[in-house]
Amino acid sequence: MSYLEYNTKYLPTGPRKLFFLNWPLILLLTAVAGVGFIMLYSVAGGSTSPWMEPQMERFGFGLGLLIVVAMVPIWFWRNMAVLAYLFSLALLLAVEFVGVERNGSQRWLDLGVMDLQPSELMKITLVMLLAAYYDWLPRDRTSHPLWVLFPVLLILLPTYMVLSQPDLGTSLLLVAGGGAMMFFAGVHWAYFATVVVAGVSTVFAVFKSRGASWQILQDYQYRRIDTFLDPANDPLGAGYHITQAKIALGSGGWTGRGFMQGTQSRLNFLPEKHTDFIFTTLAEEFGFIGAIGLLTIYMLIIFFCVISALTNRDRFASLLTLGVATTFFLFFALNMAMVTGLAPVVGVPLPLVSYGGSAMLVLMGAFGLVQSAHVHKPR
């Protein structure tokens, strides 16, 4: 029996596709969103407005989007990868001319009903394009320098555009997500070792050059590094955000202060308590147990994605699933590292928990792609 005949005979069709959805994954996504609803209710002082109600509406729409995307055959999304990437690039270019500026950053497009952040869309379309590229590329050419250079350029182009907005956090996610896709595709480890060595050497040179005639960074940039390494150097200035976040994390203890009893959030000491720093509110109110509980749900989502990818014989679908799972992991890992002082504060929201429209809808659409790969894999 040929591969096409196998697909035609055994793949689900029509309404039957609903039964082939990865329902545990959908339930886990709903559970994470539910945590977000509870925390947005808390930081609003026990009110569904202004954050909880619109977030619930967006999740409902996103869940519908997930199912619609899942019903479309995976080969369609493979064929759309190039167009999706070019469309995201066009939106990033549009931000340069007609983008909305907030807090010194120009990252959004005003669509009337909502503000769209094209860099969020680029995270997923980049994964789509790289999965399609390595599905097309013969495996014996994966590590050839010419064929390695092309995906590197595909990664660096949107990274440069996002970095100029400026948006360091999303730029890091694009580079890390793209690098992970190259690793999953089988690019030789020597390329990654070279990048690591170059990165470590650059960091060493930056610190070594301080105060020398060949100093690499400006003095104010070194002061920012000092603040990251020791926020107590400027507790009321650049170190204020992370200092308050650490106070909230520490005051939660094992079981937390109780729902809506967090002093840091209720008294508005926490910055961006409904977006980037919402994890600290969770840790303060529900303690270490609540924080680990959310992290466990996140890791279960990654687990189900990896299992789906490893059992899928379609190379594009498998790479796409791993890419979405990696992007999702980097999302929450960077946010948690940021609010605990393990990484600089770069403005990355907590996925499906932080308030926001673009990130929510893009992630739900991305998991729709994961479901499409799962539903339409040969059985």
Protein backbone atom coordinates (compact mmCIF):
# COMPACT_ATOMS: atom_id res chain seq x y z
CA MET A 1 0.00 0.00 0.00
CA SER A 2 1.45 3.39 -1.01
CA TYR A 3 1.84 6.31 1.39
CA LEU A 4 -0.94 8.23 -0.42
CA GLU A 5 -3.29 5.23 -0.25
CA TYR A 6 -2.51 4.82 3.44
CA ASN A 7 -3.33 8.46 4.11
CA THR A 8 -6.54 8.29 2.08
CA LYS A 9 -7.73 5.17 3.84
CA TYR A 10 -6.79 5.88 7.44
CA LEU A 11 -6.79 9.63 7.93
CA PRO A 12 -9.94 11.05 9.56
CA THR A 13 -12.29 13.14 7.44
CA GLY A 14 -15.02 15.68 8.15
CA PRO A 15 -16.52 15.78 11.65
CA ARG A 16 -14.56 12.64 12.58
CA LYS A 17 -11.47 14.86 12.87
CA LEU A 18 -12.82 16.25 16.13
CA PHE A 19 -12.35 12.84 17.74
CA PHE A 20 -8.71 12.76 16.66
CA LEU A 21 -7.83 16.06 18.34
CA ASN A 22 -5.28 15.87 21.14
CA TRP A 23 -7.88 16.62 23.80
CA PRO A 24 -5.52 16.36 26.82
CA LEU A 25 -3.47 19.16 25.23
CA ILE A 26 -6.57 21.32 24.80
CA LEU A 27 -7.57 20.72 28.43
CA LEU A 28 -4.11 21.72 29.62
CA LEU A 29 -4.19 24.92 27.58
CA THR A 30 -7.60 25.70 29.07
CA ALA A 31 -6.24 25.07 32.56
CA VAL A 32 -3.39 27.54 32.02
CA ALA A 33 -5.81 30.14 30.65
CA GLY A 34 -8.01 29.53 33.70
CA VAL A 35 -5.08 30.35 35.97
CA GLY A 36 -4.67 33.55 34.00
CA PHE A 37 -8.34 34.49 34.45
CA ILE A 38 -8.07 34.00 38.21
CA MET A 39 -4.92 36.10 38.49
CA LEU A 40 -6.31 38.91 36.32
CA TYR A 41 -9.40 38.95 38.56
CA SER A 42 -7.11 39.23 41.58
CA VAL A 43 -4.84 42.02 40.31
CA ALA A 44 -7.95 44.02 39.34
CA GLY A 45 -9.03 43.98 42.99
CA GLY A 46 -11.79 41.42 42.58
CA SER A 47 -13.29 42.66 39.32
CA THR A 48 -13.74 41.09 35.90
CA SER A 49 -12.82 44.40 34.30
CA PRO A 50 -10.66 45.74 32.83
CA TRP A 51 -8.59 42.59 32.19
CA MET A 52 -10.32 39.30 32.98
CA GLU A 53 -13.43 39.67 30.81
CA PRO A 54 -11.65 40.65 27.56
CA GLN A 55 -9.06 37.92 28.22
CA MET A 56 -11.83 35.30 28.46
CA GLU A 57 -13.35 36.54 25.22
CA ARG A 58 -10.00 36.33 23.47
CA PHE A 59 -9.41 32.81 24.74
CA GLY A 60 -12.84 31.72 23.52
CA PHE A 61 -12.08 33.14 20.10
CA GLY A 62 -8.61 31.60 20.22
CA LEU A 63 -10.04 28.17 21.05
CA GLY A 64 -12.30 28.42 18.02
CA LEU A 65 -9.29 29.46 15.94
CA LEU A 66 -7.34 26.45 17.22
CA ILE A 67 -10.05 24.03 16.12
CA VAL A 68 -10.47 25.67 12.70
CA VAL A 69 -6.71 25.54 12.05
CA ALA A 70 -6.62 21.92 13.26
CA MET A 71 -9.28 20.86 10.76
CA VAL A 72 -7.19 22.08 7.81
CA PRO A 73 -4.83 19.40 6.39
CA ILE A 74 -1.21 19.82 7.40
CA TRP A 75 -0.04 19.86 3.76
CA PHE A 76 -1.92 23.15 3.32
CA TRP A 77 0.07 24.80 6.10
CA ARG A 78 3.28 23.45 4.57
CA ASN A 79 2.39 25.13 1.28
CA MET A 80 1.48 28.38 3.06
CA ALA A 81 4.74 28.65 5.01
CA VAL A 82 6.54 30.99 2.60
CA LEU A 83 3.53 33.29 2.21
CA ALA A 84 3.00 33.39 5.99
CA TYR A 85 6.64 34.37 6.55
CA LEU A 86 6.52 37.10 3.88
CA PHE A 87 3.24 38.39 5.30
CA SER A 88 4.81 38.67 8.76
CA LEU A 89 7.80 40.50 7.28
CA ALA A 90 5.42 42.94 5.57
CA LEU A 91 3.67 43.61 8.87
CA LEU A 92 7.00 44.21 10.61
CA LEU A 93 7.88 46.67 7.86
CA ALA A 94 4.51 48.39 8.29
CA VAL A 95 5.29 48.88 11.99
CA GLU A 96 8.25 51.06 10.97
CA PHE A 97 5.91 53.52 9.19
CA VAL A 98 2.48 53.34 10.83
CA GLY A 99 3.16 51.49 14.08
CA VAL A 100 1.77 52.54 17.46
CA GLU A 101 4.38 53.70 19.97
CA ARG A 102 4.14 52.94 23.68
CA ASN A 103 6.73 53.46 26.40
CA GLY A 104 9.37 54.34 23.85
CA SER A 105 8.80 51.24 21.70
CA GLN A 106 7.04 51.07 18.34
CA ARG A 107 5.79 47.48 18.10
CA TRP A 108 2.06 47.49 17.37
CA LEU A 109 -0.37 48.00 14.49
CA ASP A 110 -3.75 49.53 15.31
CA LEU A 111 -6.43 47.32 13.70
CA GLY A 112 -9.34 49.15 15.30
CA VAL A 113 -10.73 46.22 17.30
CA MET A 114 -7.31 45.36 18.72
CA ASP A 115 -3.61 46.16 18.49
CA LEU A 116 -1.58 43.54 16.65
CA GLN A 117 2.06 42.90 17.49
CA PRO A 118 3.55 41.43 14.27
CA SER A 119 6.65 40.17 16.08
CA GLU A 120 4.43 37.66 17.91
CA LEU A 121 3.20 36.32 14.57
CA MET A 122 6.76 36.12 13.25
CA LYS A 123 7.74 33.68 16.02
CA ILE A 124 5.38 31.10 14.54
CA THR A 125 5.70 31.83 10.83
CA LEU A 126 9.50 31.55 11.16
CA VAL A 127 9.04 28.09 12.67
CA MET A 128 6.66 27.18 9.81
CA LEU A 129 9.12 28.31 7.15
CA LEU A 130 12.11 26.53 8.69
CA ALA A 131 10.08 23.32 9.07
CA ALA A 132 9.05 23.54 5.40
CA TYR A 133 12.65 24.32 4.37
CA TYR A 134 14.12 21.29 6.11
CA ASP A 135 11.26 19.11 4.88
CA TRP A 136 12.22 20.13 1.32
CA LEU A 137 16.00 19.94 1.81
CA PRO A 138 17.63 16.50 1.39
CA ARG A 139 19.05 15.36 4.72
CA ASP A 140 22.57 14.91 3.36
CA ARG A 141 22.70 18.67 2.66
CA THR A 142 21.50 19.81 6.07
CA SER A 143 24.96 20.68 7.38
CA HIS A 144 26.48 22.00 4.14
CA PRO A 145 27.67 25.61 4.75
CA LEU A 146 25.60 27.02 1.86
CA TRP A 147 22.40 25.38 3.07
CA VAL A 148 23.13 26.46 6.65
CA LEU A 149 23.64 30.09 5.65
CA PHE A 150 20.19 30.43 4.08
CA PRO A 151 18.14 29.65 7.25
CA VAL A 152 20.52 31.83 9.27
CA LEU A 153 19.61 34.76 7.00
CA LEU A 154 15.91 33.89 7.36
CA ILE A 155 16.33 34.16 11.14
CA LEU A 156 18.49 37.28 11.23
CA LEU A 157 16.32 39.41 8.93
CA PRO A 158 13.21 39.56 11.19
CA THR A 159 15.46 39.59 14.27
CA TYR A 160 17.08 42.81 13.08
CA MET A 161 13.68 44.37 12.33
CA VAL A 162 12.30 43.45 15.77
CA LEU A 163 15.46 44.59 17.54
CA SER A 164 15.13 48.04 15.94
CA GLN A 165 11.63 48.55 17.45
CA PRO A 166 13.31 48.00 20.05
CA ASP A 167 12.26 44.61 21.45
CA LEU A 168 15.18 42.66 22.87
CA GLY A 169 13.05 39.90 24.40
CA THR A 170 11.30 38.90 21.18
CA SER A 171 14.59 39.17 19.28
CA LEU A 172 16.15 36.65 21.65
CA LEU A 173 13.16 34.34 21.23
CA LEU A 174 13.43 34.50 17.43
CA VAL A 175 17.12 33.62 17.48
CA ALA A 176 16.68 30.84 20.05
CA GLY A 177 13.60 29.40 18.32
CA GLY A 178 15.27 29.46 14.91
CA GLY A 179 18.44 27.90 16.30
CA ALA A 180 16.40 25.14 17.92
CA MET A 181 14.73 24.36 14.57
CA MET A 182 18.15 24.00 12.93
CA PHE A 183 19.22 21.68 15.74
CA PHE A 184 16.09 19.52 15.41
CA ALA A 185 16.64 19.31 11.66
CA GLY A 186 20.07 17.77 12.24
CA VAL A 187 22.51 20.61 11.56
CA HIS A 188 25.97 19.52 12.76
CA TRP A 189 26.80 20.33 16.38
CA ALA A 190 30.02 22.12 15.37
CA TYR A 191 28.00 25.11 14.14
CA PHE A 192 26.31 25.49 17.52
CA ALA A 193 29.61 25.01 19.36
CA THR A 194 31.11 27.83 17.28
CA VAL A 195 28.23 30.14 18.18
CA VAL A 196 28.55 29.30 21.89
CA VAL A 197 32.30 29.91 21.89
CA ALA A 198 31.84 33.20 20.03
CA GLY A 199 29.15 34.28 22.49
CA VAL A 200 31.22 33.44 25.56
CA SER A 201 34.24 35.18 24.05
CA THR A 202 32.17 38.30 23.36
CA VAL A 203 30.87 38.43 26.93
CA PHE A 204 34.41 37.99 28.28
CA ALA A 205 35.68 40.77 26.02
CA VAL A 206 32.88 43.11 27.12
CA PHE A 207 33.79 42.74 30.80
CA LYS A 208 37.53 42.78 30.14
CA SER A 209 37.33 46.02 28.16
CA ARG A 210 35.69 48.00 30.96
CA GLY A 211 37.80 51.02 31.81
CA ALA A 212 40.29 50.26 29.05
CA SER A 213 41.05 52.40 26.01
CA TRP A 214 39.22 49.86 23.83
CA GLN A 215 36.06 49.75 25.99
CA ILE A 216 33.29 48.07 23.96
CA LEU A 217 30.14 49.38 25.69
CA GLN A 218 29.19 52.81 26.98
CA ASP A 219 29.39 53.55 30.70
CA TYR A 220 25.59 53.64 31.09
CA GLN A 221 25.34 50.19 29.51
CA TYR A 222 27.81 48.83 32.05
CA ARG A 223 25.69 50.38 34.81
CA ARG A 224 22.69 48.44 33.47
CA ILE A 225 24.72 45.24 33.69
CA ASP A 226 25.65 46.11 37.27
CA THR A 227 21.99 46.65 38.11
CA PHE A 228 21.05 43.26 36.63
CA LEU A 229 23.77 41.49 38.60
CA ASP A 230 22.90 43.39 41.79
CA PRO A 231 19.54 45.24 41.73
CA ALA A 232 20.29 46.65 45.20
CA ASN A 233 22.74 49.06 43.55
CA ASP A 234 19.77 51.09 42.32
CA PRO A 235 16.69 49.90 44.26
CA LEU A 236 14.56 52.93 43.42
CA GLY A 237 15.66 53.25 39.80
CA ALA A 238 16.67 50.59 37.31
CA GLY A 239 16.58 47.85 39.96
CA TYR A 240 13.10 48.71 41.26
CA HIS A 241 11.12 46.22 39.16
CA ILE A 242 13.16 43.15 39.99
CA THR A 243 13.54 44.17 43.64
CA GLN A 244 9.77 44.36 44.11
CA ALA A 245 9.32 41.09 42.21
CA LYS A 246 11.74 39.30 44.52
CA ILE A 247 9.94 40.67 47.57
CA ALA A 248 6.65 39.27 46.23
CA LEU A 249 8.21 35.90 45.41
CA GLY A 250 9.80 35.59 48.84
CA SER A 251 6.76 36.71 50.81
CA GLY A 252 4.63 33.94 49.29
CA GLY A 253 6.46 31.17 51.14
CA TRP A 254 5.26 27.61 50.59
CA THR A 255 1.50 28.12 50.41
CA GLY A 256 1.16 31.85 49.75
CA ARG A 257 -0.66 34.68 51.45
CA GLY A 258 -4.01 33.63 50.03
CA PHE A 259 -6.14 34.60 47.05
CA MET A 260 -6.30 38.39 46.64
CA GLN A 261 -4.15 38.85 49.76
CA GLY A 262 -0.86 39.74 48.06
CA THR A 263 0.41 43.04 49.42
CA GLN A 264 2.84 43.75 46.57
CA SER A 265 0.13 43.60 43.91
CA ARG A 266 -2.76 45.04 45.94
CA LEU A 267 -0.67 48.06 46.98
CA ASN A 268 0.67 48.51 43.41
CA PHE A 269 4.31 47.92 44.27
CA LEU A 270 4.59 45.39 41.46
CA PRO A 271 5.16 46.90 38.00
CA GLU A 272 3.10 45.58 35.06
CA LYS A 273 1.31 43.24 37.46
CA HIS A 274 -1.23 42.14 34.84
CA THR A 275 1.31 41.42 32.08
CA ASP A 276 5.04 40.72 32.44
CA PHE A 277 5.10 40.33 36.26
CA ILE A 278 1.88 38.37 36.78
CA PHE A 279 3.86 35.27 37.81
CA THR A 280 5.10 37.10 40.91
CA THR A 281 1.49 37.81 41.91
CA LEU A 282 0.72 34.10 41.55
CA ALA A 283 3.74 33.15 43.64
CA GLU A 284 2.85 35.68 46.36
CA GLU A 285 -0.78 34.58 46.66
CA PHE A 286 -0.36 30.80 46.13
CA GLY A 287 3.25 30.35 47.17
CA PHE A 288 5.79 27.83 45.98
CA ILE A 289 3.09 25.18 45.52
CA GLY A 290 1.06 27.39 43.20
CA ALA A 291 4.13 28.36 41.17
CA ILE A 292 5.23 24.74 40.78
CA GLY A 293 1.67 23.77 39.88
CA LEU A 294 1.62 26.20 36.95
CA LEU A 295 5.10 25.09 35.87
CA THR A 296 3.92 21.46 35.93
CA ILE A 297 1.02 22.24 33.60
CA TYR A 298 3.42 24.03 31.26
CA MET A 299 5.75 21.03 31.20
CA LEU A 300 2.84 18.65 30.53
CA ILE A 301 1.94 20.75 27.48
CA ILE A 302 5.54 20.40 26.25
CA PHE A 303 5.41 16.64 26.98
CA PHE A 304 2.27 16.05 24.89
CA CYS A 305 3.73 18.10 22.02
CA VAL A 306 7.00 16.14 22.05
CA ILE A 307 5.19 12.79 22.12
CA SER A 308 3.03 13.89 19.17
CA ALA A 309 6.13 14.97 17.25
CA LEU A 310 8.08 11.77 17.91
CA THR A 311 5.18 9.59 16.76
CA ASN A 312 4.60 11.57 13.55
CA ARG A 313 6.23 10.17 10.39
CA ASP A 314 5.72 13.42 8.45
CA ARG A 315 8.97 15.42 8.71
CA PHE A 316 7.33 18.82 8.31
CA ALA A 317 4.65 18.05 10.90
CA SER A 318 7.18 16.69 13.36
CA LEU A 319 9.54 19.67 13.03
CA LEU A 320 6.63 22.12 13.22
CA THR A 321 5.34 20.54 16.43
CA LEU A 322 8.79 20.59 18.03
CA GLY A 323 9.26 24.20 16.93
CA VAL A 324 5.98 25.37 18.45
CA ALA A 325 6.73 23.47 21.67
CA THR A 326 10.19 25.05 21.87
CA THR A 327 8.83 28.56 21.24
CA PHE A 328 6.24 28.01 23.97
CA PHE A 329 8.94 26.74 26.36
CA LEU A 330 11.20 29.72 25.66
CA PHE A 331 8.24 32.01 26.25
CA PHE A 332 7.51 30.95 29.81
CA ALA A 333 11.11 30.07 30.70
CA LEU A 334 12.34 33.56 29.80
CA ASN A 335 9.46 35.23 31.64
CA MET A 336 10.07 33.20 34.80
CA ALA A 337 13.82 33.79 34.59
CA MET A 338 13.18 37.50 34.11
CA VAL A 339 10.92 37.99 37.14
CA THR A 340 13.16 35.88 39.40
CA GLY A 341 16.29 37.86 38.53
CA LEU A 342 17.96 35.12 36.47
CA ALA A 343 17.67 37.14 33.25
CA PRO A 344 17.39 40.84 32.41
CA VAL A 345 13.92 42.38 32.32
CA VAL A 346 13.19 42.35 28.59
CA GLY A 347 9.38 42.52 28.46
CA VAL A 348 8.23 38.96 27.71
CA PRO A 349 4.70 38.03 28.90
CA LEU A 350 3.77 34.75 30.58
CA PRO A 351 1.99 32.71 27.85
CA LEU A 352 -1.80 32.36 28.20
CA VAL A 353 -1.65 33.94 31.68
CA SER A 354 -0.53 37.52 31.08
CA TYR A 355 -3.05 39.97 29.70
CA GLY A 356 -2.68 40.50 25.97
CA GLY A 357 -4.41 39.91 22.66
CA SER A 358 -1.69 39.26 20.08
CA ALA A 359 0.25 36.71 22.15
CA MET A 360 -2.92 34.84 23.13
CA LEU A 361 -4.32 34.51 19.60
CA VAL A 362 -0.98 33.70 17.98
CA LEU A 363 -0.27 30.97 20.53
CA MET A 364 -3.72 29.42 20.08
CA GLY A 365 -3.24 29.49 16.33
CA ALA A 366 0.18 27.87 16.79
CA PHE A 367 -1.31 25.06 18.86
CA GLY A 368 -3.90 24.72 16.11
CA LEU A 369 -0.98 23.86 13.81
CA VAL A 370 0.19 21.30 16.36
CA GLN A 371 -3.31 19.81 16.38
CA SER A 372 -3.41 19.78 12.57
CA ALA A 373 -0.16 17.82 12.55
CA HIS A 374 -1.60 15.42 15.13
CA VAL A 375 -4.98 14.94 13.46
CA HIS A 376 -3.60 14.37 9.96
CA LYS A 377 -0.67 12.09 10.78
CA PRO A 378 -0.76 8.62 9.22
CA ARG A 379 -2.38 6.01 11.47
